[in-house]
């Protein structure tokens, strides 16, 4: 997978997200880092926020995506 493909999946599943920043720090196209800021996360626990992202990614973890380290926040929580 590419960072662009992951970003597109997340933006499709969380269209109100204001920040979707995907990085491939090892440049191996399987281990990624993401920062996602969305009003949908307001009032949700970190685990609930991550579940929304996993839902947006669908079955990507069954194929090319191996690991995704996430930082998620509602706009009111984001310290960017």
N, C-alpha and C. Protein backbone atom coordinates (compact mmCIF):
# COMPACT_ATOMS: atom_id res chain seq x y z
N UNK A 1 0.84 -1.19 0.00
CA UNK A 1 0.00 0.00 0.00
C UNK A 1 0.87 1.24 0.00
N UNK A 2 0.29 2.31 -0.47
CA UNK A 2 0.99 3.59 -0.44
C UNK A 2 0.34 4.49 0.61
N UNK A 3 1.06 5.52 0.98
CA UNK A 3 0.49 6.48 1.94
C UNK A 3 -0.76 7.13 1.34
N UNK A 4 -0.74 7.37 0.06
CA UNK A 4 -1.90 7.98 -0.63
C UNK A 4 -3.13 7.07 -0.56
N UNK A 5 -2.94 5.77 -0.77
CA UNK A 5 -4.06 4.83 -0.70
C UNK A 5 -4.66 4.79 0.71
N UNK A 6 -3.81 4.80 1.71
CA UNK A 6 -4.30 4.79 3.09
C UNK A 6 -5.05 6.08 3.38
N UNK A 7 -4.49 7.20 2.97
CA UNK A 7 -5.16 8.49 3.17
C UNK A 7 -6.53 8.50 2.49
N UNK A 8 -6.61 8.00 1.28
CA UNK A 8 -7.89 7.99 0.55
C UNK A 8 -8.94 7.14 1.28
N UNK A 9 -8.53 5.98 1.80
CA UNK A 9 -9.47 5.13 2.54
C UNK A 9 -9.97 5.83 3.80
N UNK A 10 -9.07 6.46 4.51
CA UNK A 10 -9.46 7.15 5.75
C UNK A 10 -10.35 8.34 5.44
N UNK A 11 -10.00 9.11 4.43
CA UNK A 11 -10.83 10.27 4.06
C UNK A 11 -12.21 9.84 3.56
N UNK A 12 -12.30 8.70 2.90
CA UNK A 12 -13.60 8.20 2.45
C UNK A 12 -14.45 7.77 3.64
N UNK A 13 -13.82 7.16 4.64
CA UNK A 13 -14.55 6.70 5.83
C UNK A 13 -14.80 7.78 6.86
N UNK A 14 -13.95 8.80 6.86
CA UNK A 14 -14.08 9.93 7.79
C UNK A 14 -13.98 11.24 6.99
N UNK A 15 -14.98 11.52 6.16
CA UNK A 15 -14.87 12.67 5.25
C UNK A 15 -14.74 14.02 5.94
N UNK A 16 -15.13 14.10 7.21
CA UNK A 16 -15.04 15.36 7.93
C UNK A 16 -13.67 15.57 8.58
N UNK A 17 -12.77 14.62 8.43
CA UNK A 17 -11.43 14.74 9.01
C UNK A 17 -10.72 15.98 8.46
N UNK A 18 -10.14 16.75 9.35
CA UNK A 18 -9.43 17.96 8.95
C UNK A 18 -7.95 17.69 8.68
N UNK A 19 -7.40 16.68 9.33
CA UNK A 19 -6.01 16.29 9.10
C UNK A 19 -5.93 14.78 8.93
N UNK A 20 -5.35 14.34 7.85
CA UNK A 20 -5.03 12.93 7.63
C UNK A 20 -3.60 12.92 7.08
N UNK A 21 -2.66 12.68 7.96
CA UNK A 21 -1.25 12.70 7.59
C UNK A 21 -0.69 11.29 7.75
N UNK A 22 -0.32 10.67 6.65
CA UNK A 22 0.18 9.29 6.65
C UNK A 22 1.66 9.31 6.30
N UNK A 23 2.46 8.59 7.08
CA UNK A 23 3.89 8.51 6.83
C UNK A 23 4.34 7.05 6.76
N UNK A 24 5.39 6.81 6.01
CA UNK A 24 6.00 5.49 5.87
C UNK A 24 7.46 5.61 6.34
N UNK A 25 7.68 5.64 7.67
CA UNK A 25 9.01 5.96 8.19
C UNK A 25 10.10 4.95 7.83
N UNK A 26 9.74 3.70 7.61
CA UNK A 26 10.72 2.67 7.23
C UNK A 26 10.83 2.52 5.72
N UNK A 27 9.95 3.23 5.00
CA UNK A 27 9.90 3.16 3.55
C UNK A 27 9.78 1.71 3.05
N UNK A 28 8.93 0.94 3.78
CA UNK A 28 8.75 -0.47 3.40
C UNK A 28 7.33 -0.77 2.92
N UNK A 29 6.47 0.25 2.90
CA UNK A 29 5.09 0.12 2.40
C UNK A 29 4.26 -0.90 3.17
N UNK A 30 4.64 -1.22 4.40
CA UNK A 30 3.82 -2.10 5.25
C UNK A 30 3.67 -1.56 6.67
N UNK A 31 4.59 -0.75 7.14
CA UNK A 31 4.54 -0.17 8.48
C UNK A 31 4.38 1.35 8.35
N UNK A 32 3.26 1.85 8.85
CA UNK A 32 2.93 3.25 8.65
C UNK A 32 2.64 3.95 9.98
N UNK A 33 2.70 5.27 9.94
CA UNK A 33 2.30 6.12 11.04
C UNK A 33 1.25 7.08 10.51
N UNK A 34 0.28 7.43 11.36
CA UNK A 34 -0.79 8.32 10.92
C UNK A 34 -1.17 9.30 12.02
N UNK A 35 -1.46 10.52 11.62
CA UNK A 35 -2.08 11.50 12.49
C UNK A 35 -3.42 11.84 11.85
N UNK A 36 -4.48 11.67 12.63
CA UNK A 36 -5.82 11.90 12.10
C UNK A 36 -6.59 12.77 13.09
N UNK A 37 -7.11 13.88 12.62
CA UNK A 37 -7.89 14.79 13.44
C UNK A 37 -9.26 14.91 12.80
N UNK A 38 -10.30 14.62 13.60
CA UNK A 38 -11.65 14.63 13.05
C UNK A 38 -12.66 15.04 14.12
N UNK A 39 -13.65 15.85 13.75
CA UNK A 39 -14.73 16.17 14.68
C UNK A 39 -15.49 14.91 15.12
N UNK A 40 -15.45 13.86 14.32
CA UNK A 40 -16.13 12.61 14.68
C UNK A 40 -15.56 11.98 15.95
N UNK A 41 -14.34 12.36 16.31
CA UNK A 41 -13.69 11.80 17.49
C UNK A 41 -14.09 12.50 18.78
N UNK A 42 -14.81 13.61 18.68
CA UNK A 42 -15.19 14.38 19.86
C UNK A 42 -15.98 13.52 20.84
N UNK A 43 -15.52 13.48 22.08
CA UNK A 43 -16.21 12.74 23.14
C UNK A 43 -15.94 11.25 23.15
N UNK A 44 -15.12 10.75 22.22
CA UNK A 44 -14.83 9.32 22.16
C UNK A 44 -13.49 9.02 22.84
N UNK A 45 -13.39 7.82 23.39
CA UNK A 45 -12.12 7.38 23.94
C UNK A 45 -11.14 7.15 22.80
N UNK A 46 -9.86 7.06 23.13
CA UNK A 46 -8.84 6.80 22.11
C UNK A 46 -9.14 5.49 21.38
N UNK A 47 -9.58 4.47 22.12
CA UNK A 47 -9.90 3.18 21.50
C UNK A 47 -11.07 3.32 20.52
N UNK A 48 -12.08 4.07 20.89
CA UNK A 48 -13.22 4.28 20.00
C UNK A 48 -12.81 5.04 18.75
N UNK A 49 -11.91 6.01 18.91
CA UNK A 49 -11.40 6.76 17.76
C UNK A 49 -10.66 5.82 16.81
N UNK A 50 -9.82 4.96 17.36
CA UNK A 50 -9.04 4.03 16.53
C UNK A 50 -9.95 3.04 15.82
N UNK A 51 -11.03 2.63 16.49
CA UNK A 51 -11.98 1.71 15.84
C UNK A 51 -12.62 2.36 14.61
N UNK A 52 -12.90 3.65 14.68
CA UNK A 52 -13.45 4.34 13.51
C UNK A 52 -12.46 4.33 12.35
N UNK A 53 -11.18 4.50 12.66
CA UNK A 53 -10.15 4.47 11.61
C UNK A 53 -10.04 3.07 11.03
N UNK A 54 -10.02 2.05 11.91
CA UNK A 54 -9.95 0.66 11.43
C UNK A 54 -11.14 0.34 10.52
N UNK A 55 -12.31 0.85 10.89
CA UNK A 55 -13.50 0.62 10.07
C UNK A 55 -13.32 1.26 8.69
N UNK A 56 -12.75 2.45 8.66
CA UNK A 56 -12.51 3.14 7.38
C UNK A 56 -11.52 2.36 6.52
N UNK A 57 -10.56 1.69 7.16
CA UNK A 57 -9.55 0.93 6.41
C UNK A 57 -10.06 -0.42 5.93
N UNK A 58 -11.21 -0.83 6.40
CA UNK A 58 -11.82 -2.08 5.93
C UNK A 58 -10.91 -3.26 6.14
N UNK A 59 -10.73 -4.06 5.12
CA UNK A 59 -9.94 -5.29 5.23
C UNK A 59 -8.47 -5.10 4.82
N UNK A 60 -7.99 -3.87 4.85
CA UNK A 60 -6.61 -3.59 4.44
C UNK A 60 -5.58 -4.37 5.25
N UNK A 61 -5.90 -4.66 6.51
CA UNK A 61 -4.95 -5.40 7.35
C UNK A 61 -4.86 -6.87 6.97
N UNK A 62 -5.78 -7.35 6.17
CA UNK A 62 -5.73 -8.73 5.70
C UNK A 62 -4.80 -8.86 4.49
N UNK A 63 -4.37 -7.74 3.97
CA UNK A 63 -3.51 -7.76 2.78
C UNK A 63 -2.23 -7.00 3.01
N UNK A 64 -2.07 -5.91 2.28
CA UNK A 64 -0.77 -5.24 2.24
C UNK A 64 -0.40 -4.44 3.50
N UNK A 65 -1.37 -4.03 4.28
CA UNK A 65 -1.09 -3.20 5.44
C UNK A 65 -0.78 -4.08 6.65
N UNK A 66 0.40 -3.91 7.21
CA UNK A 66 0.83 -4.75 8.33
C UNK A 66 0.68 -4.03 9.67
N UNK A 67 1.09 -2.77 9.73
CA UNK A 67 1.05 -2.05 11.00
C UNK A 67 0.77 -0.57 10.75
N UNK A 68 -0.04 0.01 11.65
CA UNK A 68 -0.36 1.42 11.57
C UNK A 68 -0.35 1.99 12.99
N UNK A 69 0.63 2.82 13.26
CA UNK A 69 0.69 3.51 14.54
C UNK A 69 -0.10 4.80 14.39
N UNK A 70 -1.11 5.00 15.23
CA UNK A 70 -2.01 6.14 15.07
C UNK A 70 -1.94 7.13 16.21
N UNK A 71 -2.04 8.39 15.84
CA UNK A 71 -2.33 9.46 16.77
C UNK A 71 -3.64 10.05 16.29
N UNK A 72 -4.67 9.97 17.13
CA UNK A 72 -5.98 10.49 16.75
C UNK A 72 -6.41 11.53 17.78
N UNK A 73 -7.22 12.48 17.31
CA UNK A 73 -7.71 13.52 18.21
C UNK A 73 -8.88 14.25 17.58
N UNK A 74 -9.74 14.77 18.43
CA UNK A 74 -10.76 15.71 17.99
C UNK A 74 -10.06 17.06 17.82
N UNK A 75 -10.60 17.96 17.01
CA UNK A 75 -9.94 19.26 16.82
C UNK A 75 -9.68 19.99 18.14
N UNK A 76 -10.58 19.86 19.10
CA UNK A 76 -10.40 20.53 20.39
C UNK A 76 -9.28 19.93 21.22
N UNK A 77 -8.86 18.72 20.89
CA UNK A 77 -7.80 18.02 21.64
C UNK A 77 -6.44 18.13 20.95
N UNK A 78 -6.43 18.49 19.69
CA UNK A 78 -5.19 18.42 18.90
C UNK A 78 -4.26 19.56 19.24
N UNK A 79 -3.03 19.19 19.56
CA UNK A 79 -2.02 20.18 19.94
C UNK A 79 -1.01 20.45 18.84
N UNK A 80 -1.14 19.73 17.70
CA UNK A 80 -0.32 19.80 16.51
C UNK A 80 0.91 20.57 16.60
